[in-house]
Amino acid sequence: MTSDLFGQATVRFFSGLFLAGLLLFLAVPLILGSRIVFVIMLLYIPVIAKRIRNEKEVLEEDLAGYKEYKTRVRYKMIPFLW
């Protein structure tokens, strides 16, 4: 497999799915007026970060061309930030 399989990208992970989930987990407690649950849901951020690190390791080991792709696509999840 070549890196052309991955196409042009700005971020490496399915950032739309991760960001949508993160926004959902943070927005719902605020919409419902629960600041305590909002603080609790902030704990979700490190969980997602750990999941991304684990997924990166699995892809590096098992997916041909991923290491080269990783050098071309700098950002993991948030363009120009992370």
Protein backbone atom coordinates (compact mmCIF):
# COMPACT_ATOMS: atom_id res chain seq x y z
CA MET A 1 0.00 0.00 0.00
CA THR A 2 1.17 3.49 -0.68
CA SER A 3 0.48 6.67 1.22
CA ASP A 4 -1.80 7.78 -1.65
CA LEU A 5 -4.42 5.58 -0.02
CA PHE A 6 -4.81 8.19 2.70
CA GLY A 7 -5.32 11.11 0.31
CA GLN A 8 -4.96 14.73 1.30
CA ALA A 9 -5.65 15.47 4.94
CA THR A 10 -5.16 18.15 7.57
CA VAL A 11 -5.69 15.93 10.60
CA ARG A 12 -4.90 12.26 11.12
CA PHE A 13 -7.90 11.05 13.09
CA PHE A 14 -11.58 11.24 12.41
CA SER A 15 -11.66 14.59 14.09
CA GLY A 16 -15.29 15.22 13.23
CA LEU A 17 -16.36 12.21 15.28
CA PHE A 18 -14.10 12.96 18.22
CA LEU A 19 -14.90 16.68 18.26
CA ALA A 20 -18.63 16.11 17.90
CA GLY A 21 -18.56 13.69 20.81
CA LEU A 22 -16.51 16.06 22.91
CA LEU A 23 -18.81 19.00 22.17
CA LEU A 24 -21.84 16.85 22.92
CA PHE A 25 -20.44 15.72 26.26
CA LEU A 26 -19.56 19.29 27.23
CA ALA A 27 -22.65 21.06 25.83
CA VAL A 28 -25.45 18.87 27.16
CA PRO A 29 -24.68 19.54 30.87
CA LEU A 30 -24.54 23.27 30.16
CA ILE A 31 -27.80 23.19 28.21
CA LEU A 32 -29.44 21.32 31.06
CA GLY A 33 -27.96 23.75 33.59
CA SER A 34 -25.71 21.30 35.42
CA ARG A 35 -22.31 22.82 36.07
CA ILE A 36 -21.27 19.89 38.26
CA VAL A 37 -21.85 17.41 35.43
CA PHE A 38 -19.98 19.76 33.08
CA VAL A 39 -16.93 19.58 35.35
CA ILE A 40 -17.27 15.80 35.52
CA MET A 41 -17.50 15.62 31.73
CA LEU A 42 -14.22 17.55 31.44
CA LEU A 43 -12.66 14.27 32.53
CA TYR A 44 -13.69 12.93 29.13
CA ILE A 45 -10.93 14.97 27.44
CA PRO A 46 -8.03 12.88 28.84
CA VAL A 47 -9.94 9.70 27.95
CA ILE A 48 -10.16 10.80 24.31
CA ALA A 49 -6.48 11.81 24.32
CA LYS A 50 -5.53 8.34 25.64
CA ARG A 51 -7.71 6.69 23.01
CA ILE A 52 -6.02 8.68 20.26
CA ARG A 53 -2.56 7.71 21.55
CA ASN A 54 -3.58 4.04 21.62
CA GLU A 55 -5.05 4.22 18.12
CA LYS A 56 -1.85 5.86 16.86
CA GLU A 57 0.26 3.02 18.27
CA VAL A 58 -1.96 0.37 16.70
CA LEU A 59 -1.88 2.11 13.32
CA GLU A 60 1.92 2.49 13.44
CA GLU A 61 2.33 -1.24 14.08
CA ASP A 62 -0.31 -2.66 11.79
CA LEU A 63 -0.93 -0.27 8.90
CA ALA A 64 1.62 -0.10 6.13
CA GLY A 65 2.41 3.47 5.10
CA TYR A 66 1.05 5.07 8.26
CA LYS A 67 4.42 6.26 9.57
CA GLU A 68 5.10 8.10 6.31
CA TYR A 69 1.57 9.49 6.33
CA LYS A 70 2.12 10.71 9.90
CA THR A 71 5.09 12.78 8.76
CA ARG A 72 2.98 14.46 6.06
CA VAL A 73 -0.09 15.10 8.21
CA ARG A 74 1.11 17.01 11.24
CA TYR A 75 -2.03 17.51 13.32
CA LYS A 76 -3.81 14.73 15.18
CA MET A 77 -7.23 16.17 15.79
CA ILE A 78 -7.49 19.97 15.75
CA PRO A 79 -6.00 21.69 12.67
CA PHE A 80 -3.10 24.04 13.46
CA LEU A 81 -3.35 23.27 17.19
CA TRP A 82 -2.95 19.56 18.04
